[in-house]
Amino acid sequence: MIMNYNELYKKLEISDDEIKQYLSECKYGGYPEEPSGSVWSMEGKSIFILIRHLKPKRILELGNFLGTSTNHILQAVELNGFGDVTLVDIDDLLNYDKLHNKKFNRIIDNSLNFVGKEIDFDFIIVDDNHEYEHVRQELSSIYKNNKTKNYYVFTHDYFVIERSDVGVKTAWDETESLITQTPYKVLGEESNCGFVFSIIKD
């Protein structure tokens, strides 16, 4: 089932007052205000709202590019008052001068190497290499190797199907049987990217 942002927030029992508060706090946007951004503004703000509400302790972002979504993560963690952030990308393209802060662990590596061994995170954002085989291996490795048994996965670009180099949807749909709760497939009116937000429970 495809839903919009507000339908997702209701499923997660985030009140309208909380949403208004979080949106008023959020300092960062995304595409199209930031043409080089890798997430649309409301997708970035969704990451912010989810982290503010769910208050994860250990956050992993796979694929950081210039740092648009990273800023949403860093500000949300700062306002929560706790949380460790790990940023993994195969190249270091972060715009450090524009980052919210430098409070993160930086790892330059292929994400398949990183999640191919034991990891321990309760909120994981997947937004790096979008090729089918990479995403399939990445998701499978996360489910196999994440030591935390109750956690969340935010996978960007689920609805991008017109590009042959993007296989997120196919890879996710094939891996969905590993998930113990139906994932929420979220698409806003402003973009065709969207995301899947899933709650993984032991």
N, C-alpha and C. Protein backbone atom coordinates (compact mmCIF):
# COMPACT_ATOMS: atom_id res chain seq x y z
N MET A 1 0.83 -1.20 0.00
CA MET A 1 0.00 0.00 0.00
C MET A 1 0.87 1.26 0.00
N ILE A 2 0.59 2.18 -0.91
CA ILE A 2 1.32 3.44 -0.97
C ILE A 2 0.61 4.46 -0.09
N MET A 3 1.39 5.19 0.70
CA MET A 3 0.82 6.21 1.57
C MET A 3 1.61 7.50 1.45
N ASN A 4 1.03 8.60 1.97
CA ASN A 4 1.76 9.86 2.00
C ASN A 4 2.42 10.03 3.37
N TYR A 5 3.12 11.15 3.53
CA TYR A 5 3.87 11.37 4.76
C TYR A 5 2.97 11.35 6.00
N ASN A 6 1.85 12.07 5.94
CA ASN A 6 0.98 12.17 7.11
C ASN A 6 0.38 10.82 7.49
N GLU A 7 0.10 9.99 6.49
CA GLU A 7 -0.42 8.65 6.79
C GLU A 7 0.64 7.81 7.51
N LEU A 8 1.90 7.97 7.11
CA LEU A 8 2.98 7.27 7.83
C LEU A 8 3.07 7.76 9.26
N TYR A 9 3.02 9.07 9.46
CA TYR A 9 3.14 9.61 10.82
C TYR A 9 2.01 9.11 11.72
N LYS A 10 0.81 8.99 11.16
CA LYS A 10 -0.32 8.48 11.94
C LYS A 10 -0.09 7.02 12.33
N LYS A 11 0.44 6.23 11.40
CA LYS A 11 0.75 4.84 11.70
C LYS A 11 1.74 4.74 12.86
N LEU A 12 2.65 5.70 12.94
CA LEU A 12 3.68 5.69 13.98
C LEU A 12 3.23 6.48 15.22
N GLU A 13 1.98 6.92 15.21
CA GLU A 13 1.39 7.64 16.34
C GLU A 13 2.14 8.93 16.66
N ILE A 14 2.51 9.65 15.62
CA ILE A 14 3.09 10.98 15.77
C ILE A 14 1.94 11.98 15.64
N SER A 15 1.71 12.77 16.67
CA SER A 15 0.57 13.67 16.68
C SER A 15 0.80 14.86 15.75
N ASP A 16 -0.29 15.54 15.40
CA ASP A 16 -0.19 16.74 14.56
C ASP A 16 0.65 17.81 15.25
N ASP A 17 0.51 17.94 16.56
CA ASP A 17 1.29 18.93 17.29
C ASP A 17 2.78 18.61 17.23
N GLU A 18 3.12 17.33 17.35
CA GLU A 18 4.52 16.93 17.25
C GLU A 18 5.07 17.25 15.85
N ILE A 19 4.29 16.92 14.84
CA ILE A 19 4.73 17.18 13.47
C ILE A 19 5.01 18.66 13.27
N LYS A 20 4.09 19.52 13.73
CA LYS A 20 4.27 20.96 13.61
C LYS A 20 5.53 21.41 14.34
N GLN A 21 5.74 20.86 15.53
CA GLN A 21 6.93 21.22 16.31
C GLN A 21 8.19 20.83 15.56
N TYR A 22 8.24 19.60 15.08
CA TYR A 22 9.44 19.12 14.40
C TYR A 22 9.71 19.90 13.12
N LEU A 23 8.66 20.20 12.36
CA LEU A 23 8.86 20.95 11.12
C LEU A 23 9.34 22.36 11.41
N SER A 24 8.88 22.95 12.52
CA SER A 24 9.33 24.30 12.87
C SER A 24 10.80 24.29 13.32
N GLU A 25 11.24 23.17 13.88
CA GLU A 25 12.63 23.05 14.34
C GLU A 25 13.60 22.85 13.18
N CYS A 26 13.16 22.12 12.17
CA CYS A 26 14.07 21.66 11.12
C CYS A 26 14.65 22.83 10.32
N LYS A 27 15.96 22.91 10.28
CA LYS A 27 16.64 24.02 9.63
C LYS A 27 16.97 23.74 8.16
N TYR A 28 16.82 22.50 7.74
CA TYR A 28 17.35 22.11 6.43
C TYR A 28 16.26 21.69 5.47
N GLY A 29 16.55 21.83 4.20
CA GLY A 29 15.62 21.47 3.13
C GLY A 29 16.19 20.36 2.27
N GLY A 30 16.16 20.59 0.99
CA GLY A 30 16.65 19.61 0.03
C GLY A 30 16.24 20.05 -1.37
N TYR A 31 16.23 19.12 -2.28
CA TYR A 31 15.83 19.45 -3.64
C TYR A 31 14.35 19.85 -3.65
N PRO A 32 13.91 20.86 -4.40
CA PRO A 32 14.64 21.65 -5.40
C PRO A 32 15.32 22.89 -4.86
N GLU A 33 15.12 23.22 -3.55
CA GLU A 33 15.80 24.41 -3.01
C GLU A 33 17.31 24.27 -3.10
N GLU A 34 17.79 23.05 -2.92
CA GLU A 34 19.21 22.75 -3.04
C GLU A 34 19.38 21.82 -4.24
N PRO A 35 19.66 22.38 -5.42
CA PRO A 35 19.68 21.57 -6.66
C PRO A 35 20.62 20.37 -6.60
N SER A 36 21.67 20.47 -5.80
CA SER A 36 22.62 19.36 -5.72
C SER A 36 22.24 18.34 -4.65
N GLY A 37 21.14 18.60 -3.95
CA GLY A 37 20.73 17.69 -2.87
C GLY A 37 20.27 16.36 -3.40
N SER A 38 20.50 15.32 -2.64
CA SER A 38 20.14 13.96 -3.08
C SER A 38 18.78 13.51 -2.55
N VAL A 39 18.14 14.32 -1.72
CA VAL A 39 16.77 14.02 -1.28
C VAL A 39 15.92 15.27 -1.48
N TRP A 40 14.64 15.06 -1.73
CA TRP A 40 13.71 16.17 -1.78
C TRP A 40 13.51 16.70 -0.37
N SER A 41 13.10 17.96 -0.29
CA SER A 41 12.97 18.62 1.00
C SER A 41 12.12 17.83 1.99
N MET A 42 10.93 17.38 1.57
CA MET A 42 10.05 16.68 2.50
C MET A 42 10.57 15.28 2.85
N GLU A 43 11.36 14.70 1.98
CA GLU A 43 11.97 13.40 2.32
C GLU A 43 13.01 13.60 3.41
N GLY A 44 13.81 14.66 3.28
CA GLY A 44 14.78 14.98 4.33
C GLY A 44 14.10 15.31 5.64
N LYS A 45 13.02 16.07 5.56
CA LYS A 45 12.28 16.43 6.77
C LYS A 45 11.63 15.20 7.41
N SER A 46 11.26 14.22 6.58
CA SER A 46 10.72 12.97 7.13
C SER A 46 11.77 12.24 7.94
N ILE A 47 13.00 12.22 7.44
CA ILE A 47 14.10 11.61 8.21
C ILE A 47 14.23 12.33 9.55
N PHE A 48 14.19 13.66 9.50
CA PHE A 48 14.29 14.47 10.72
C PHE A 48 13.17 14.12 11.70
N ILE A 49 11.92 14.10 11.21
CA ILE A 49 10.76 13.81 12.07
C ILE A 49 10.87 12.41 12.67
N LEU A 50 11.26 11.44 11.86
CA LEU A 50 11.36 10.06 12.34
C LEU A 50 12.41 9.92 13.44
N ILE A 51 13.55 10.57 13.25
CA ILE A 51 14.61 10.48 14.27
C ILE A 51 14.21 11.23 15.53
N ARG A 52 13.57 12.40 15.37
CA ARG A 52 13.13 13.14 16.56
C ARG A 52 12.11 12.35 17.36
N HIS A 53 11.20 11.66 16.67
CA HIS A 53 10.14 10.94 17.36
C HIS A 53 10.61 9.59 17.90
N LEU A 54 11.34 8.83 17.10
CA LEU A 54 11.72 7.47 17.49
C LEU A 54 12.95 7.45 18.40
N LYS A 55 13.75 8.51 18.33
CA LYS A 55 14.91 8.70 19.19
C LYS A 55 15.87 7.49 19.18
N PRO A 56 16.36 7.12 18.02
CA PRO A 56 17.33 6.01 17.95
C PRO A 56 18.65 6.40 18.59
N LYS A 57 19.37 5.39 19.05
CA LYS A 57 20.65 5.63 19.73
C LYS A 57 21.84 5.46 18.79
N ARG A 58 21.68 4.63 17.77
CA ARG A 58 22.80 4.36 16.85
C ARG A 58 22.27 4.42 15.42
N ILE A 59 22.71 5.42 14.68
CA ILE A 59 22.18 5.69 13.34
C ILE A 59 23.27 5.45 12.30
N LEU A 60 22.90 4.77 11.23
CA LEU A 60 23.81 4.51 10.12
C LEU A 60 23.20 5.10 8.85
N GLU A 61 23.99 5.91 8.14
CA GLU A 61 23.57 6.39 6.82
C GLU A 61 24.52 5.84 5.78
N LEU A 62 23.99 5.02 4.89
CA LEU A 62 24.76 4.46 3.78
C LEU A 62 24.52 5.32 2.55
N GLY A 63 25.53 6.07 2.14
CA GLY A 63 25.39 6.99 1.03
C GLY A 63 25.09 8.38 1.53
N ASN A 64 26.09 9.26 1.52
CA ASN A 64 25.94 10.59 2.11
C ASN A 64 26.03 11.71 1.08
N PHE A 65 26.71 11.46 -0.03
CA PHE A 65 26.93 12.44 -1.09
C PHE A 65 27.43 13.75 -0.47
N LEU A 66 26.75 14.87 -0.71
CA LEU A 66 27.22 16.16 -0.21
C LEU A 66 26.79 16.44 1.23
N GLY A 67 25.80 15.71 1.71
CA GLY A 67 25.39 15.87 3.11
C GLY A 67 24.02 16.48 3.33
N THR A 68 23.16 16.48 2.31
CA THR A 68 21.83 17.06 2.48
C THR A 68 21.01 16.30 3.52
N SER A 69 20.86 15.00 3.33
CA SER A 69 20.11 14.21 4.31
C SER A 69 20.90 14.10 5.62
N THR A 70 22.21 14.12 5.52
CA THR A 70 23.07 14.04 6.71
C THR A 70 22.77 15.18 7.67
N ASN A 71 22.54 16.38 7.14
CA ASN A 71 22.23 17.52 8.01
C ASN A 71 20.93 17.30 8.78
N HIS A 72 19.94 16.70 8.15
CA HIS A 72 18.69 16.39 8.85
C HIS A 72 18.97 15.43 10.01
N ILE A 73 19.81 14.45 9.77
CA ILE A 73 20.17 13.48 10.80
C ILE A 73 20.89 14.16 11.95
N LEU A 74 21.91 14.93 11.63
CA LEU A 74 22.75 15.54 12.66
C LEU A 74 21.96 16.53 13.52
N GLN A 75 21.08 17.31 12.91
CA GLN A 75 20.29 18.25 13.71
C GLN A 75 19.30 17.52 14.61
N ALA A 76 18.66 16.48 14.06
CA ALA A 76 17.69 15.73 14.86
C ALA A 76 18.37 15.08 16.07
N VAL A 77 19.53 14.51 15.86
CA VAL A 77 20.27 13.87 16.95
C VAL A 77 20.67 14.91 17.99
N GLU A 78 21.12 16.06 17.53
CA GLU A 78 21.50 17.13 18.45
C GLU A 78 20.32 17.55 19.33
N LEU A 79 19.16 17.71 18.72
CA LEU A 79 17.98 18.12 19.49
C LEU A 79 17.50 17.01 20.42
N ASN A 80 17.68 15.76 20.03
CA ASN A 80 17.33 14.65 20.92
C ASN A 80 18.24 14.62 22.14
N GLY A 81 19.45 15.12 21.99
CA GLY A 81 20.40 15.14 23.10
C GLY A 81 21.24 13.90 23.23
N PHE A 82 21.08 12.97 22.31
CA PHE A 82 21.90 11.75 22.32
C PHE A 82 21.81 11.08 20.95
N GLY A 83 22.74 10.17 20.72
CA GLY A 83 22.74 9.40 19.48
C GLY A 83 24.09 9.43 18.80
N ASP A 84 24.56 8.26 18.38
CA ASP A 84 25.80 8.14 17.62
C ASP A 84 25.45 7.99 16.15
N VAL A 85 26.16 8.73 15.29
CA VAL A 85 25.90 8.72 13.85
C VAL A 85 27.13 8.19 13.13
N THR A 86 26.92 7.22 12.25
CA THR A 86 27.99 6.69 11.40
C THR A 86 27.61 6.93 9.95
N LEU A 87 28.53 7.54 9.21
CA LEU A 87 28.32 7.87 7.80
C LEU A 87 29.26 7.04 6.95
N VAL A 88 28.69 6.28 6.00
CA VAL A 88 29.50 5.41 5.15
C VAL A 88 29.26 5.77 3.69
N ASP A 89 30.34 5.98 2.95
CA ASP A 89 30.24 6.21 1.51
C ASP A 89 31.54 5.76 0.87
N ILE A 90 31.46 5.40 -0.40
CA ILE A 90 32.65 4.90 -1.10
C ILE A 90 33.59 6.03 -1.47
N ASP A 91 33.06 7.25 -1.60
CA ASP A 91 33.85 8.46 -1.85
C ASP A 91 33.50 9.50 -0.81
N ASP A 92 34.45 10.37 -0.48
CA ASP A 92 34.19 11.43 0.49
C ASP A 92 33.87 12.72 -0.24
N LEU A 93 32.57 12.94 -0.48
CA LEU A 93 32.11 14.13 -1.18
C LEU A 93 31.37 15.09 -0.25
N LEU A 94 31.34 14.79 1.04
CA LEU A 94 30.64 15.64 1.99
C LEU A 94 31.14 17.08 1.92
N ASN A 95 30.20 18.00 1.95
CA ASN A 95 30.54 19.42 2.01
C ASN A 95 30.68 19.79 3.48
N TYR A 96 31.88 19.59 4.02
CA TYR A 96 32.10 19.72 5.46
C TYR A 96 31.79 21.13 5.97
N ASP A 97 32.01 22.14 5.14
CA ASP A 97 31.77 23.53 5.57
C ASP A 97 30.29 23.80 5.80
N LYS A 98 29.40 22.98 5.21
CA LYS A 98 27.97 23.22 5.34
C LYS A 98 27.27 22.20 6.23
N LEU A 99 28.04 21.31 6.86
CA LEU A 99 27.44 20.32 7.74
C LEU A 99 26.99 20.94 9.06
N HIS A 100 25.91 20.41 9.61
CA HIS A 100 25.35 20.93 10.86
C HIS A 100 26.37 20.87 11.99
N ASN A 101 27.07 19.78 12.08
CA ASN A 101 28.18 19.63 13.02
C ASN A 101 29.08 18.50 12.54
N LYS A 102 30.12 18.22 13.27
CA LYS A 102 31.07 17.17 12.89
C LYS A 102 30.99 15.98 13.86
N LYS A 103 29.85 15.81 14.48
CA LYS A 103 29.70 14.76 15.49
C LYS A 103 29.22 13.47 14.84
N PHE A 104 30.14 12.80 14.16
CA PHE A 104 29.81 11.55 13.50
C PHE A 104 31.08 10.74 13.27
N ASN A 105 30.88 9.45 13.05
CA ASN A 105 31.98 8.57 12.68
C ASN A 105 31.98 8.49 11.16
N ARG A 106 33.11 8.80 10.53
CA ARG A 106 33.20 8.82 9.07
C ARG A 106 33.94 7.60 8.57
N ILE A 107 33.32 6.85 7.67
CA ILE A 107 33.94 5.65 7.11
C ILE A 107 33.86 5.72 5.59
N ILE A 108 35.01 5.62 4.94
CA ILE A 108 35.08 5.58 3.48
C ILE A 108 35.29 4.13 3.07
N ASP A 109 34.27 3.54 2.50
CA ASP A 109 34.32 2.12 2.15
C ASP A 109 33.10 1.79 1.30
N ASN A 110 33.18 0.69 0.58
CA ASN A 110 32.01 0.16 -0.09
C ASN A 110 31.03 -0.31 0.99
N SER A 111 29.79 0.08 0.89
CA SER A 111 28.83 -0.27 1.94
C SER A 111 28.67 -1.77 2.11
N LEU A 112 28.86 -2.53 1.03
CA LEU A 112 28.75 -3.99 1.13
C LEU A 112 29.83 -4.55 2.03
N ASN A 113 31.01 -3.94 2.03
CA ASN A 113 32.06 -4.36 2.96
C ASN A 113 31.65 -4.05 4.40
N PHE A 114 31.08 -2.87 4.58
CA PHE A 114 30.73 -2.44 5.94
C PHE A 114 29.62 -3.29 6.54
N VAL A 115 28.54 -3.51 5.80
CA VAL A 115 27.42 -4.28 6.35
C VAL A 115 27.63 -5.79 6.17
N GLY A 116 28.74 -6.16 5.53
CA GLY A 116 29.04 -7.58 5.35
C GLY A 116 29.58 -8.25 6.60
N LYS A 117 29.85 -7.44 7.61
CA LYS A 117 30.28 -7.97 8.91
C LYS A 117 29.29 -7.50 9.97
N GLU A 118 29.48 -7.92 11.19
CA GLU A 118 28.53 -7.58 12.25
C GLU A 118 28.43 -6.08 12.44
N ILE A 119 27.21 -5.58 12.49
CA ILE A 119 26.95 -4.16 12.75
C ILE A 119 25.95 -4.06 13.90
N ASP A 120 25.74 -2.85 14.40
CA ASP A 120 24.86 -2.67 15.56
C ASP A 120 24.21 -1.29 15.49
N PHE A 121 23.06 -1.20 14.80
CA PHE A 121 22.37 0.07 14.62
C PHE A 121 20.87 -0.12 14.81
N ASP A 122 20.20 0.93 15.29
CA ASP A 122 18.75 0.84 15.44
C ASP A 122 17.99 1.74 14.47
N PHE A 123 18.71 2.47 13.62
CA PHE A 123 18.08 3.26 12.54
C PHE A 123 19.06 3.29 11.38
N ILE A 124 18.65 2.75 10.24
CA ILE A 124 19.56 2.64 9.09
C ILE A 124 18.91 3.29 7.88
N ILE A 125 19.67 4.19 7.24
CA ILE A 125 19.22 4.87 6.03
C ILE A 125 20.03 4.33 4.86
N VAL A 126 19.35 3.80 3.86
CA VAL A 126 20.00 3.20 2.69
C VAL A 126 19.78 4.10 1.49
N ASP A 127 20.85 4.73 1.00
CA ASP A 127 20.72 5.67 -0.12
C ASP A 127 22.04 5.81 -0.85
N ASP A 128 22.69 4.69 -1.17
CA ASP A 128 23.97 4.78 -1.87
C ASP A 128 23.81 4.20 -3.28
N ASN A 129 24.60 3.21 -3.62
CA ASN A 129 24.51 2.58 -4.94
C ASN A 129 23.11 1.99 -5.12
N HIS A 130 22.42 2.39 -6.19
CA HIS A 130 21.03 1.98 -6.40
C HIS A 130 20.88 0.81 -7.37
N GLU A 131 21.99 0.22 -7.79
CA GLU A 131 21.89 -0.91 -8.71
C GLU A 131 21.27 -2.11 -8.00
N TYR A 132 20.49 -2.87 -8.74
CA TYR A 132 19.72 -3.98 -8.18
C TYR A 132 20.56 -4.91 -7.31
N GLU A 133 21.64 -5.45 -7.85
CA GLU A 133 22.42 -6.45 -7.12
C GLU A 133 23.04 -5.86 -5.87
N HIS A 134 23.49 -4.62 -5.94
CA HIS A 134 24.07 -3.97 -4.77
C HIS A 134 23.02 -3.82 -3.66
N VAL A 135 21.85 -3.29 -4.02
CA VAL A 135 20.79 -3.08 -3.02
C VAL A 135 20.35 -4.42 -2.43
N ARG A 136 20.21 -5.43 -3.28
CA ARG A 136 19.78 -6.75 -2.79
C ARG A 136 20.76 -7.29 -1.76
N GLN A 137 22.06 -7.25 -2.08
CA GLN A 137 23.07 -7.74 -1.15
C GLN A 137 23.11 -6.88 0.12
N GLU A 138 22.95 -5.58 -0.07
CA GLU A 138 23.01 -4.65 1.06
C GLU A 138 21.90 -4.94 2.07
N LEU A 139 20.67 -5.03 1.57
CA LEU A 139 19.54 -5.31 2.45
C LEU A 139 19.67 -6.67 3.12
N SER A 140 20.06 -7.67 2.36
CA SER A 140 20.21 -9.02 2.92
C SER A 140 21.27 -9.03 4.02
N SER A 141 22.38 -8.32 3.79
CA SER A 141 23.46 -8.27 4.79
C SER A 141 23.02 -7.53 6.05
N ILE A 142 22.26 -6.47 5.87
CA ILE A 142 21.76 -5.74 7.04
C ILE A 142 20.91 -6.66 7.91
N TYR A 143 19.98 -7.37 7.30
CA TYR A 143 19.09 -8.26 8.05
C TYR A 143 19.87 -9.40 8.71
N LYS A 144 20.91 -9.86 8.03
CA LYS A 144 21.71 -10.98 8.55
C LYS A 144 22.67 -10.54 9.65
N ASN A 145 23.28 -9.36 9.50
CA ASN A 145 24.42 -9.00 10.34
C ASN A 145 24.15 -7.93 11.39
N ASN A 146 22.97 -7.31 11.37
CA ASN A 146 22.72 -6.29 12.39
C ASN A 146 22.42 -6.96 13.73
N LYS A 147 23.27 -6.67 14.71
CA LYS A 147 23.16 -7.29 16.03
C LYS A 147 21.90 -6.83 16.76
N THR A 148 21.46 -5.58 16.49
CA THR A 148 20.23 -5.07 17.07
C THR A 148 19.06 -5.74 16.37
N LYS A 149 18.16 -6.33 17.11
CA LYS A 149 17.08 -7.12 16.51
C LYS A 149 15.81 -6.31 16.28
N ASN A 150 15.66 -5.18 16.95
CA ASN A 150 14.50 -4.31 16.74
C ASN A 150 15.02 -2.97 16.24
N TYR A 151 14.76 -2.68 14.96
CA TYR A 151 15.33 -1.48 14.36
C TYR A 151 14.50 -1.02 13.17
N TYR A 152 14.90 0.12 12.59
CA TYR A 152 14.17 0.73 11.49
C TYR A 152 15.09 0.86 10.27
N VAL A 153 14.50 0.69 9.09
CA VAL A 153 15.25 0.89 7.84
C VAL A 153 14.48 1.85 6.94
N PHE A 154 15.16 2.92 6.52
CA PHE A 154 14.62 3.91 5.60
C PHE A 154 15.37 3.74 4.28
N THR A 155 14.67 3.29 3.24
CA THR A 155 15.32 3.06 1.94
C THR A 155 14.78 4.05 0.93
N HIS A 156 15.68 4.92 0.45
CA HIS A 156 15.28 6.00 -0.47
C HIS A 156 15.16 5.48 -1.90
N ASP A 157 14.38 6.22 -2.71
CA ASP A 157 14.24 5.99 -4.16
C ASP A 157 13.53 4.69 -4.51
N TYR A 158 12.63 4.25 -3.67
CA TYR A 158 11.89 3.01 -3.95
C TYR A 158 11.06 3.11 -5.22
N PHE A 159 10.52 4.29 -5.50
CA PHE A 159 9.57 4.43 -6.62
C PHE A 159 10.23 4.81 -7.95
N VAL A 160 11.56 4.93 -7.97
CA VAL A 160 12.24 5.28 -9.22
C VAL A 160 12.36 4.02 -10.07
N ILE A 161 11.57 3.95 -11.13
CA ILE A 161 11.55 2.73 -11.95
C ILE A 161 11.87 3.00 -13.41
N GLU A 162 11.96 4.29 -13.79
CA GLU A 162 12.17 4.59 -15.21
C GLU A 162 13.64 4.56 -15.61
N ARG A 163 14.53 4.46 -14.64
CA ARG A 163 15.97 4.42 -14.93
C ARG A 163 16.48 3.00 -14.79
N SER A 164 17.20 2.53 -15.80
CA SER A 164 17.67 1.15 -15.82
C SER A 164 18.75 0.89 -14.76
N ASP A 165 19.42 1.96 -14.29
CA ASP A 165 20.48 1.78 -13.30
C ASP A 165 19.95 1.81 -11.87
N VAL A 166 18.64 1.94 -11.70
CA VAL A 166 18.04 1.97 -10.36
C VAL A 166 17.18 0.72 -10.17
N GLY A 167 17.61 -0.13 -9.25
CA GLY A 167 16.89 -1.37 -9.00
C GLY A 167 16.42 -1.51 -7.58
N VAL A 168 16.18 -0.37 -6.90
CA VAL A 168 15.81 -0.39 -5.49
C VAL A 168 14.50 -1.15 -5.28
N LYS A 169 13.49 -0.83 -6.08
CA LYS A 169 12.17 -1.44 -5.89
C LYS A 169 12.23 -2.96 -6.06
N THR A 170 12.88 -3.41 -7.13
CA THR A 170 12.97 -4.86 -7.39
C THR A 170 13.73 -5.55 -6.27
N ALA A 171 14.85 -4.97 -5.86
CA ALA A 171 15.66 -5.57 -4.80
C ALA A 171 14.90 -5.61 -3.49
N TRP A 172 14.21 -4.50 -3.19
CA TRP A 172 13.44 -4.46 -1.94
C TRP A 172 12.32 -5.48 -1.94
N ASP A 173 11.57 -5.53 -3.03
CA ASP A 173 10.43 -6.45 -3.10
C ASP A 173 10.88 -7.91 -2.95
N GLU A 174 12.05 -8.23 -3.48
CA GLU A 174 12.56 -9.59 -3.36
C GLU A 174 13.05 -9.90 -1.94
N THR A 175 13.42 -8.87 -1.21
CA THR A 175 13.96 -9.04 0.14
C THR A 175 12.89 -8.89 1.20
N GLU A 176 11.70 -8.49 0.81
CA GLU A 176 10.65 -8.14 1.76
C GLU A 176 10.26 -9.31 2.67
N SER A 177 10.45 -10.54 2.20
CA SER A 177 10.08 -11.70 3.00
C SER A 177 10.90 -11.79 4.29
N LEU A 178 12.03 -11.07 4.35
CA LEU A 178 12.84 -11.07 5.56
C LEU A 178 12.26 -10.18 6.64
N ILE A 179 11.30 -9.34 6.27
CA ILE A 179 10.76 -8.35 7.18
C ILE A 179 9.58 -8.95 7.95
N THR A 180 9.54 -8.71 9.25
CA THR A 180 8.47 -9.30 10.06
C THR A 180 7.24 -8.40 10.16
N GLN A 181 7.35 -7.17 9.67
CA GLN A 181 6.19 -6.28 9.65
C GLN A 181 6.11 -5.61 8.29
N THR A 182 4.92 -5.47 7.75
CA THR A 182 4.75 -4.88 6.42
C THR A 182 5.40 -3.51 6.36
N PRO A 183 6.24 -3.28 5.37
CA PRO A 183 6.90 -1.97 5.26
C PRO A 183 5.93 -0.90 4.75
N TYR A 184 6.19 0.32 5.16
CA TYR A 184 5.38 1.45 4.72
C TYR A 184 6.03 2.09 3.49
N LYS A 185 5.32 2.12 2.38
CA LYS A 185 5.84 2.66 1.13
C LYS A 185 5.27 4.06 0.95
N VAL A 186 6.15 5.06 1.01
CA VAL A 186 5.74 6.45 1.15
C VAL A 186 6.15 7.26 -0.07
N LEU A 187 5.18 7.99 -0.62
CA LEU A 187 5.42 8.82 -1.79
C LEU A 187 4.70 10.15 -1.61
N GLY A 188 5.46 11.25 -1.71
CA GLY A 188 4.85 12.57 -1.65
C GLY A 188 4.51 13.07 -3.04
N GLU A 189 3.74 14.14 -3.09
CA GLU A 189 3.30 14.68 -4.38
C GLU A 189 4.42 15.36 -5.14
N GLU A 190 5.48 15.77 -4.43
CA GLU A 190 6.49 16.61 -5.08
C GLU A 190 7.55 15.83 -5.85
N SER A 191 7.64 14.52 -5.65
CA SER A 191 8.71 13.77 -6.33
C SER A 191 8.25 12.38 -6.72
N ASN A 192 9.07 11.73 -7.53
CA ASN A 192 8.80 10.34 -7.89
C ASN A 192 9.77 9.39 -7.18
N CYS A 193 10.50 9.91 -6.20
CA CYS A 193 11.52 9.10 -5.52
C CYS A 193 10.90 8.23 -4.43
N GLY A 194 10.40 8.89 -3.39
CA GLY A 194 9.77 8.17 -2.30
C GLY A 194 10.73 7.29 -1.52
N PHE A 195 10.17 6.56 -0.56
CA PHE A 195 11.00 5.68 0.26
C PHE A 195 10.16 4.58 0.86
N VAL A 196 10.84 3.57 1.36
CA VAL A 196 10.20 2.54 2.16
C VAL A 196 10.70 2.70 3.59
N PHE A 197 9.79 2.72 4.54
CA PHE A 197 10.17 2.75 5.94
C PHE A 197 9.67 1.48 6.59
N SER A 198 10.58 0.69 7.11
CA SER A 198 10.17 -0.59 7.68
C SER A 198 10.63 -0.71 9.12
N ILE A 199 9.82 -1.41 9.88
CA ILE A 199 10.12 -1.71 11.27
C ILE A 199 10.49 -3.18 11.35
N ILE A 200 11.72 -3.45 11.72
CA ILE A 200 12.21 -4.83 11.79
C ILE A 200 12.15 -5.28 13.25
N LYS A 201 11.47 -6.38 13.49
CA LYS A 201 11.34 -6.88 14.86
C LYS A 201 11.74 -8.35 14.89
N ASP A 202 12.41 -8.71 15.96
CA ASP A 202 12.85 -10.09 16.15
C ASP A 202 11.63 -10.99 16.38
